[in-house]
């Protein structure tokens, strides 16, 4: 979001406000927000994360003979 907002010459807040004004009210489950907060706290605490490229490579194996469940990577 930071990158896209900067490309448009906006702050992240302005960018999100623009999206919200175009899409209207979005209902969010408080439980989902709480789960995201828990996950982000783990990242900030140093829990290992996975690079996007690794996830993309894994997703590309779906429905192919090379597919393995994530935990078997």
Protein backbone atom coordinates (compact mmCIF):
# COMPACT_ATOMS: atom_id res chain seq x y z
CA UNK A 1 0.00 0.00 0.00
CA UNK A 2 2.82 2.36 0.81
CA UNK A 3 4.30 1.85 -2.63
CA UNK A 4 1.00 2.34 -4.48
CA UNK A 5 0.09 5.39 -2.40
CA UNK A 6 3.50 6.92 -3.13
CA UNK A 7 3.05 6.25 -6.87
CA UNK A 8 -0.19 8.22 -6.69
CA UNK A 9 1.34 11.01 -4.60
CA UNK A 10 -0.84 10.16 -1.61
CA UNK A 11 -0.37 9.08 1.98
CA UNK A 12 -1.49 5.58 2.88
CA UNK A 13 -4.39 7.12 4.78
CA UNK A 14 -5.48 9.13 1.72
CA UNK A 15 -5.11 6.06 -0.48
CA UNK A 16 -7.29 3.95 1.82
CA UNK A 17 -9.87 6.73 2.07
CA UNK A 18 -10.02 6.90 -1.73
CA UNK A 19 -10.55 3.16 -1.98
CA UNK A 20 -13.23 3.28 0.70
CA UNK A 21 -15.06 6.11 -1.06
CA UNK A 22 -15.10 4.10 -4.29
CA UNK A 23 -16.12 0.75 -2.80
CA UNK A 24 -18.39 1.86 0.00
CA UNK A 25 -18.61 0.45 3.50
CA UNK A 26 -16.82 -2.83 4.04
CA UNK A 27 -17.97 -4.95 6.93
CA UNK A 28 -15.15 -6.59 8.83
CA UNK A 29 -15.44 -9.38 11.35
CA UNK A 30 -13.75 -8.26 14.61
CA UNK A 31 -12.49 -11.82 15.05
CA UNK A 32 -10.64 -11.61 11.75
CA UNK A 33 -9.02 -8.34 12.78
CA UNK A 34 -7.99 -9.88 16.11
CA UNK A 35 -6.43 -12.83 14.26
CA UNK A 36 -4.50 -10.49 11.97
CA UNK A 37 -3.28 -8.56 15.02
CA UNK A 38 -2.11 -11.83 16.63
CA UNK A 39 -0.27 -12.85 13.46
CA UNK A 40 1.37 -9.43 13.08
CA UNK A 41 2.50 -9.53 16.72
CA UNK A 42 4.26 -12.83 15.97
CA UNK A 43 6.02 -11.27 12.98
CA UNK A 44 7.14 -8.32 15.06
CA UNK A 45 8.37 -10.73 17.75
CA UNK A 46 10.65 -12.39 15.21
CA UNK A 47 8.69 -15.47 14.16
CA UNK A 48 10.02 -16.86 10.88
CA UNK A 49 8.15 -15.65 7.81
CA UNK A 50 8.09 -16.96 4.26
CA UNK A 51 9.14 -14.88 1.26
CA UNK A 52 6.40 -14.19 -1.27
CA UNK A 53 8.43 -15.84 -4.02
CA UNK A 54 8.45 -19.13 -2.10
CA UNK A 55 4.69 -19.01 -1.70
CA UNK A 56 4.19 -18.20 -5.39
CA UNK A 57 6.38 -21.15 -6.42
CA UNK A 58 4.37 -23.43 -4.15
CA UNK A 59 1.03 -22.14 -5.46
CA UNK A 60 2.19 -22.81 -9.02
CA UNK A 61 2.50 -26.51 -8.14
CA UNK A 62 -1.19 -26.82 -7.26
CA UNK A 63 -2.96 -29.38 -9.45
CA UNK A 64 0.37 -30.70 -10.73
CA UNK A 65 2.27 -33.89 -9.91
CA UNK A 66 4.90 -31.76 -8.12
CA UNK A 67 2.42 -30.51 -5.51
CA UNK A 68 3.22 -31.22 -1.86
CA UNK A 69 1.35 -29.86 1.16
CA UNK A 70 3.03 -26.74 2.53
CA UNK A 71 4.25 -28.45 5.69
CA UNK A 72 6.17 -30.97 3.56
CA UNK A 73 8.21 -28.25 1.85
